Amino acid sequence: MKGFKDFLMQGNLIELATAVIMAGAFGKVVEAFTKIIMDLIAKVAGGEPNFDAVAVGGVNVGVFITALISFIMIAAVVYFMVIKPYQALKEAVDARLKAEKDAEAPAPTTDELLAEIRDLLKTRA
């Protein structure tokens, strides 16, 4: 029983469960946003983009085409609304942390500066 309790209380398991719950909730947000985009396309095109009735050689491929277009739209929403802003924010934070780290770097001592000048003068001669 102790091993099972230890397993349940592992940090990784709790983090994974939280991620799954958040992913489910986020999936609903992405689907709703995709529906808005589909409705806008329907207004422009004059009808709902639905290919369910398309059949090629007697094989109904329309359901696959509709699902594929929906997938591409969801991927675009995730990329442009989540990934790109996240990458931009991450780059900004990384640049700021690097700048702070560089600012905190100790200034060279007088002896170090003099040694550097000496070495430069030696290489010229």
N, C-alpha and C. Protein backbone atom coordinates (compact mmCIF):
# COMPACT_ATOMS: atom_id res chain seq x y z
N MET A 1 0.82 -1.19 0.00
CA MET A 1 0.00 0.00 0.00
C MET A 1 0.87 1.26 0.00
N LYS A 2 2.01 1.22 0.70
CA LYS A 2 2.89 2.39 0.77
C LYS A 2 3.42 2.73 -0.62
N GLY A 3 3.79 1.73 -1.40
CA GLY A 3 4.30 1.97 -2.75
C GLY A 3 3.25 2.65 -3.62
N PHE A 4 2.00 2.21 -3.50
CA PHE A 4 0.92 2.81 -4.28
C PHE A 4 0.72 4.27 -3.87
N LYS A 5 0.78 4.52 -2.56
CA LYS A 5 0.62 5.89 -2.06
C LYS A 5 1.77 6.76 -2.58
N ASP A 6 2.99 6.24 -2.56
CA ASP A 6 4.14 6.99 -3.07
C ASP A 6 3.97 7.30 -4.56
N PHE A 7 3.46 6.31 -5.30
CA PHE A 7 3.22 6.50 -6.73
C PHE A 7 2.23 7.62 -6.98
N LEU A 8 1.14 7.63 -6.22
CA LEU A 8 0.11 8.65 -6.41
C LEU A 8 0.60 10.04 -6.04
N MET A 9 1.50 10.12 -5.10
CA MET A 9 1.95 11.42 -4.61
C MET A 9 3.19 11.94 -5.33
N GLN A 10 3.66 11.22 -6.35
CA GLN A 10 4.81 11.69 -7.11
C GLN A 10 4.47 13.00 -7.80
N GLY A 11 5.43 13.88 -7.85
CA GLY A 11 5.22 15.17 -8.50
C GLY A 11 4.88 15.03 -9.97
N ASN A 12 5.52 14.08 -10.65
CA ASN A 12 5.29 13.92 -12.09
C ASN A 12 3.84 13.54 -12.37
N LEU A 13 3.27 12.69 -11.56
CA LEU A 13 1.90 12.25 -11.78
C LEU A 13 0.92 13.41 -11.60
N ILE A 14 1.13 14.21 -10.60
CA ILE A 14 0.27 15.37 -10.36
C ILE A 14 0.41 16.37 -11.51
N GLU A 15 1.63 16.62 -11.95
CA GLU A 15 1.86 17.54 -13.06
C GLU A 15 1.20 17.01 -14.34
N LEU A 16 1.31 15.73 -14.58
CA LEU A 16 0.70 15.13 -15.77
C LEU A 16 -0.82 15.25 -15.72
N ALA A 17 -1.41 14.98 -14.57
CA ALA A 17 -2.86 15.08 -14.43
C ALA A 17 -3.32 16.52 -14.65
N THR A 18 -2.57 17.46 -14.12
CA THR A 18 -2.90 18.87 -14.32
C THR A 18 -2.81 19.23 -15.80
N ALA A 19 -1.79 18.75 -16.47
CA ALA A 19 -1.61 19.03 -17.90
C ALA A 19 -2.76 18.47 -18.72
N VAL A 20 -3.21 17.26 -18.40
CA VAL A 20 -4.31 16.64 -19.13
C VAL A 20 -5.60 17.45 -18.94
N ILE A 21 -5.86 17.87 -17.73
CA ILE A 21 -7.07 18.67 -17.45
C ILE A 21 -7.00 19.99 -18.19
N MET A 22 -5.86 20.65 -18.13
CA MET A 22 -5.70 21.93 -18.82
C MET A 22 -5.80 21.76 -20.34
N ALA A 23 -5.26 20.69 -20.86
CA ALA A 23 -5.32 20.44 -22.31
C ALA A 23 -6.77 20.24 -22.75
N GLY A 24 -7.56 19.54 -21.95
CA GLY A 24 -8.97 19.35 -22.29
C GLY A 24 -9.72 20.67 -22.33
N ALA A 25 -9.47 21.50 -21.34
CA ALA A 25 -10.13 22.81 -21.29
C ALA A 25 -9.65 23.70 -22.45
N PHE A 26 -8.36 23.66 -22.72
CA PHE A 26 -7.81 24.47 -23.81
C PHE A 26 -8.32 23.98 -25.16
N GLY A 27 -8.52 22.69 -25.30
CA GLY A 27 -9.07 22.14 -26.54
C GLY A 27 -10.43 22.73 -26.86
N LYS A 28 -11.24 22.91 -25.83
CA LYS A 28 -12.57 23.51 -26.03
C LYS A 28 -12.45 24.96 -26.50
N VAL A 29 -11.49 25.70 -25.96
CA VAL A 29 -11.28 27.08 -26.38
C VAL A 29 -10.86 27.12 -27.85
N VAL A 30 -9.94 26.25 -28.23
CA VAL A 30 -9.47 26.22 -29.62
C VAL A 30 -10.61 25.83 -30.56
N GLU A 31 -11.41 24.85 -30.17
CA GLU A 31 -12.55 24.45 -31.01
C GLU A 31 -13.53 25.60 -31.17
N ALA A 32 -13.81 26.34 -30.12
CA ALA A 32 -14.74 27.47 -30.20
C ALA A 32 -14.19 28.55 -31.13
N PHE A 33 -12.90 28.83 -31.01
CA PHE A 33 -12.29 29.84 -31.88
C PHE A 33 -12.30 29.38 -33.33
N THR A 34 -12.04 28.09 -33.56
CA THR A 34 -12.09 27.55 -34.91
C THR A 34 -13.49 27.65 -35.48
N LYS A 35 -14.50 27.44 -34.65
CA LYS A 35 -15.89 27.57 -35.09
C LYS A 35 -16.18 28.99 -35.53
N ILE A 36 -15.64 29.97 -34.81
CA ILE A 36 -15.80 31.38 -35.21
C ILE A 36 -15.20 31.60 -36.60
N ILE A 37 -14.00 31.06 -36.82
CA ILE A 37 -13.35 31.21 -38.12
C ILE A 37 -14.17 30.52 -39.21
N MET A 38 -14.67 29.33 -38.93
CA MET A 38 -15.51 28.60 -39.90
C MET A 38 -16.77 29.41 -40.21
N ASP A 39 -17.36 30.04 -39.21
CA ASP A 39 -18.55 30.87 -39.45
C ASP A 39 -18.22 32.07 -40.32
N LEU A 40 -17.04 32.67 -40.10
CA LEU A 40 -16.63 33.79 -40.95
C LEU A 40 -16.41 33.33 -42.39
N ILE A 41 -15.81 32.17 -42.56
CA ILE A 41 -15.62 31.61 -43.90
C ILE A 41 -16.98 31.34 -44.54
N ALA A 42 -17.91 30.84 -43.75
CA ALA A 42 -19.26 30.56 -44.27
C ALA A 42 -19.93 31.84 -44.74
N LYS A 43 -19.74 32.94 -44.02
CA LYS A 43 -20.34 34.22 -44.43
C LYS A 43 -19.73 34.71 -45.74
N VAL A 44 -18.41 34.57 -45.87
CA VAL A 44 -17.73 35.03 -47.08
C VAL A 44 -18.07 34.11 -48.26
N ALA A 45 -18.03 32.81 -48.04
CA ALA A 45 -18.24 31.84 -49.12
C ALA A 45 -19.72 31.63 -49.43
N GLY A 46 -20.58 32.05 -48.55
CA GLY A 46 -22.01 31.89 -48.78
C GLY A 46 -22.55 30.55 -48.32
N GLY A 47 -21.77 29.80 -47.60
CA GLY A 47 -22.24 28.52 -47.08
C GLY A 47 -21.19 27.88 -46.19
N GLU A 48 -21.63 26.98 -45.34
CA GLU A 48 -20.74 26.28 -44.41
C GLU A 48 -19.77 25.40 -45.19
N PRO A 49 -18.44 25.51 -44.96
CA PRO A 49 -17.49 24.66 -45.66
C PRO A 49 -17.60 23.21 -45.15
N ASN A 50 -18.39 22.42 -45.85
CA ASN A 50 -18.63 21.04 -45.45
C ASN A 50 -18.50 20.16 -46.68
N PHE A 51 -17.57 19.23 -46.62
CA PHE A 51 -17.29 18.37 -47.77
C PHE A 51 -17.74 16.93 -47.53
N ASP A 52 -18.62 16.73 -46.57
CA ASP A 52 -19.02 15.38 -46.19
C ASP A 52 -19.63 14.57 -47.33
N ALA A 53 -20.22 15.22 -48.30
CA ALA A 53 -20.90 14.50 -49.38
C ALA A 53 -19.97 14.19 -50.56
N VAL A 54 -18.72 14.62 -50.52
CA VAL A 54 -17.81 14.39 -51.65
C VAL A 54 -17.43 12.92 -51.71
N ALA A 55 -17.61 12.34 -52.91
CA ALA A 55 -17.25 10.94 -53.11
C ALA A 55 -16.41 10.84 -54.37
N VAL A 56 -15.34 10.06 -54.28
CA VAL A 56 -14.46 9.86 -55.43
C VAL A 56 -14.51 8.38 -55.78
N GLY A 57 -15.02 8.08 -56.96
CA GLY A 57 -15.10 6.69 -57.40
C GLY A 57 -15.98 5.85 -56.50
N GLY A 58 -17.00 6.43 -55.94
CA GLY A 58 -17.90 5.70 -55.06
C GLY A 58 -17.43 5.61 -53.62
N VAL A 59 -16.25 6.18 -53.33
CA VAL A 59 -15.72 6.15 -51.95
C VAL A 59 -15.91 7.54 -51.35
N ASN A 60 -16.58 7.59 -50.22
CA ASN A 60 -16.86 8.87 -49.57
C ASN A 60 -15.60 9.36 -48.86
N VAL A 61 -14.94 10.34 -49.47
CA VAL A 61 -13.74 10.92 -48.87
C VAL A 61 -14.03 12.29 -48.26
N GLY A 62 -15.27 12.73 -48.38
CA GLY A 62 -15.65 14.05 -47.90
C GLY A 62 -15.48 14.22 -46.41
N VAL A 63 -15.79 13.19 -45.64
CA VAL A 63 -15.64 13.27 -44.18
C VAL A 63 -14.18 13.49 -43.83
N PHE A 64 -13.28 12.79 -44.54
CA PHE A 64 -11.86 12.96 -44.31
C PHE A 64 -11.41 14.37 -44.67
N ILE A 65 -11.88 14.90 -45.80
CA ILE A 65 -11.50 16.25 -46.22
C ILE A 65 -11.97 17.28 -45.20
N THR A 66 -13.20 17.15 -44.72
CA THR A 66 -13.71 18.08 -43.71
C THR A 66 -12.87 17.99 -42.44
N ALA A 67 -12.55 16.79 -42.00
CA ALA A 67 -11.72 16.62 -40.79
C ALA A 67 -10.33 17.19 -41.00
N LEU A 68 -9.77 17.00 -42.19
CA LEU A 68 -8.44 17.52 -42.49
C LEU A 68 -8.42 19.04 -42.46
N ILE A 69 -9.41 19.67 -43.06
CA ILE A 69 -9.48 21.13 -43.05
C ILE A 69 -9.66 21.64 -41.62
N SER A 70 -10.49 20.97 -40.86
CA SER A 70 -10.68 21.35 -39.45
C SER A 70 -9.37 21.22 -38.67
N PHE A 71 -8.64 20.14 -38.91
CA PHE A 71 -7.35 19.93 -38.24
C PHE A 71 -6.37 21.04 -38.60
N ILE A 72 -6.29 21.39 -39.88
CA ILE A 72 -5.37 22.43 -40.32
C ILE A 72 -5.74 23.77 -39.68
N MET A 73 -7.01 24.04 -39.58
CA MET A 73 -7.44 25.29 -38.96
C MET A 73 -7.12 25.31 -37.46
N ILE A 74 -7.34 24.20 -36.78
CA ILE A 74 -7.01 24.13 -35.36
C ILE A 74 -5.50 24.29 -35.16
N ALA A 75 -4.71 23.64 -36.03
CA ALA A 75 -3.25 23.77 -35.94
C ALA A 75 -2.84 25.22 -36.16
N ALA A 76 -3.47 25.91 -37.10
CA ALA A 76 -3.14 27.31 -37.35
C ALA A 76 -3.49 28.18 -36.15
N VAL A 77 -4.65 27.93 -35.55
CA VAL A 77 -5.05 28.69 -34.37
C VAL A 77 -4.04 28.48 -33.24
N VAL A 78 -3.67 27.24 -32.99
CA VAL A 78 -2.70 26.95 -31.93
C VAL A 78 -1.36 27.61 -32.23
N TYR A 79 -0.92 27.53 -33.49
CA TYR A 79 0.38 28.10 -33.85
C TYR A 79 0.39 29.62 -33.69
N PHE A 80 -0.60 30.28 -34.30
CA PHE A 80 -0.58 31.74 -34.32
C PHE A 80 -1.08 32.38 -33.03
N MET A 81 -1.90 31.66 -32.26
CA MET A 81 -2.45 32.25 -31.04
C MET A 81 -1.72 31.79 -29.77
N VAL A 82 -0.94 30.72 -29.87
CA VAL A 82 -0.24 30.21 -28.68
C VAL A 82 1.26 30.14 -28.91
N ILE A 83 1.68 29.40 -29.92
CA ILE A 83 3.11 29.13 -30.11
C ILE A 83 3.89 30.41 -30.43
N LYS A 84 3.45 31.17 -31.44
CA LYS A 84 4.16 32.39 -31.82
C LYS A 84 4.24 33.41 -30.66
N PRO A 85 3.12 33.73 -29.99
CA PRO A 85 3.23 34.66 -28.85
C PRO A 85 4.12 34.10 -27.73
N TYR A 86 4.05 32.79 -27.49
CA TYR A 86 4.88 32.18 -26.45
C TYR A 86 6.36 32.33 -26.82
N GLN A 87 6.70 32.05 -28.08
CA GLN A 87 8.10 32.17 -28.50
C GLN A 87 8.59 33.61 -28.37
N ALA A 88 7.75 34.56 -28.78
CA ALA A 88 8.14 35.98 -28.67
C ALA A 88 8.35 36.38 -27.21
N LEU A 89 7.44 35.95 -26.35
CA LEU A 89 7.56 36.26 -24.93
C LEU A 89 8.80 35.60 -24.33
N LYS A 90 9.05 34.35 -24.72
CA LYS A 90 10.22 33.63 -24.20
C LYS A 90 11.51 34.32 -24.64
N GLU A 91 11.58 34.75 -25.90
CA GLU A 91 12.77 35.46 -26.38
C GLU A 91 12.96 36.77 -25.63
N ALA A 92 11.88 37.49 -25.37
CA ALA A 92 11.98 38.75 -24.64
C ALA A 92 12.46 38.51 -23.21
N VAL A 93 11.92 37.49 -22.57
CA VAL A 93 12.34 37.17 -21.19
C VAL A 93 13.79 36.73 -21.18
N ASP A 94 14.18 35.88 -22.14
CA ASP A 94 15.57 35.42 -22.19
C ASP A 94 16.52 36.59 -22.41
N ALA A 95 16.14 37.53 -23.30
CA ALA A 95 16.99 38.69 -23.56
C ALA A 95 17.11 39.55 -22.29
N ARG A 96 16.00 39.69 -21.59
CA ARG A 96 16.03 40.50 -20.36
C ARG A 96 16.90 39.83 -19.29
N LEU A 97 16.76 38.52 -19.15
CA LEU A 97 17.58 37.80 -18.17
C LEU A 97 19.06 37.89 -18.53
N LYS A 98 19.37 37.79 -19.83
CA LYS A 98 20.76 37.90 -20.26
C LYS A 98 21.30 39.29 -19.96
N ALA A 99 20.48 40.32 -20.24
CA ALA A 99 20.90 41.69 -19.96
C ALA A 99 21.13 41.90 -18.46
N GLU A 100 20.25 41.35 -17.65
CA GLU A 100 20.42 41.46 -16.19
C GLU A 100 21.67 40.73 -15.74
N LYS A 101 21.91 39.57 -16.34
CA LYS A 101 23.10 38.79 -15.96
C LYS A 101 24.37 39.55 -16.37
N ASP A 102 24.35 40.13 -17.58
CA ASP A 102 25.51 40.90 -18.04
C ASP A 102 25.73 42.13 -17.17
N ALA A 103 24.64 42.75 -16.72
CA ALA A 103 24.77 43.94 -15.88
C ALA A 103 25.34 43.59 -14.51
N GLU A 104 25.05 42.38 -14.08
CA GLU A 104 25.53 41.96 -12.76
C GLU A 104 26.97 41.44 -12.81
N ALA A 105 27.51 41.25 -14.00
CA ALA A 105 28.88 40.75 -14.11
C ALA A 105 29.82 41.75 -13.46
N PRO A 106 30.76 41.25 -12.68
CA PRO A 106 31.66 42.17 -11.98
C PRO A 106 32.56 42.90 -12.99
N ALA A 107 32.76 44.17 -12.71
CA ALA A 107 33.65 44.98 -13.56
C ALA A 107 35.08 44.49 -13.35
N PRO A 108 35.87 44.52 -14.41
CA PRO A 108 37.26 44.07 -14.25
C PRO A 108 38.03 45.01 -13.30
N THR A 109 38.93 44.43 -12.58
CA THR A 109 39.73 45.21 -11.64
C THR A 109 40.79 46.00 -12.41
N THR A 110 41.40 46.94 -11.74
CA THR A 110 42.45 47.75 -12.35
C THR A 110 43.61 46.87 -12.82
N ASP A 111 43.97 45.90 -12.00
CA ASP A 111 45.07 44.99 -12.36
C ASP A 111 44.73 44.20 -13.63
N GLU A 112 43.49 43.76 -13.75
CA GLU A 112 43.09 43.01 -14.95
C GLU A 112 43.14 43.90 -16.19
N LEU A 113 42.67 45.13 -16.05
CA LEU A 113 42.71 46.06 -17.18
C LEU A 113 44.15 46.37 -17.60
N LEU A 114 45.01 46.60 -16.61
CA LEU A 114 46.41 46.88 -16.92
C LEU A 114 47.08 45.68 -17.58
N ALA A 115 46.76 44.48 -17.13
CA ALA A 115 47.34 43.27 -17.73
C ALA A 115 46.86 43.12 -19.17
N GLU A 116 45.60 43.46 -19.43
CA GLU A 116 45.06 43.37 -20.79
C GLU A 116 45.75 44.39 -21.70
N ILE A 117 45.96 45.60 -21.20
CA ILE A 117 46.65 46.63 -21.98
C ILE A 117 48.08 46.20 -22.27
N ARG A 118 48.75 45.65 -21.27
CA ARG A 118 50.12 45.17 -21.44
C ARG A 118 50.19 44.11 -22.53
N ASP A 119 49.22 43.15 -22.48
CA ASP A 119 49.22 42.06 -23.46
C ASP A 119 48.97 42.59 -24.87
N LEU A 120 48.07 43.57 -24.99
CA LEU A 120 47.81 44.18 -26.31
C LEU A 120 49.04 44.90 -26.85
N LEU A 121 49.73 45.60 -25.96
CA LEU A 121 50.95 46.30 -26.39
C LEU A 121 52.06 45.32 -26.79
N LYS A 122 52.12 44.17 -26.13
CA LYS A 122 53.12 43.17 -26.48
C LYS A 122 52.86 42.62 -27.88
N THR A 123 51.59 42.43 -28.21
CA THR A 123 51.28 41.85 -29.52
C THR A 123 51.56 42.83 -30.65
N ARG A 124 51.52 44.15 -30.37
CA ARG A 124 51.82 45.15 -31.40
C ARG A 124 53.30 45.24 -31.70
N ALA A 125 54.11 45.01 -30.68
CA ALA A 125 55.56 45.21 -30.83
C ALA A 125 56.23 44.08 -31.55
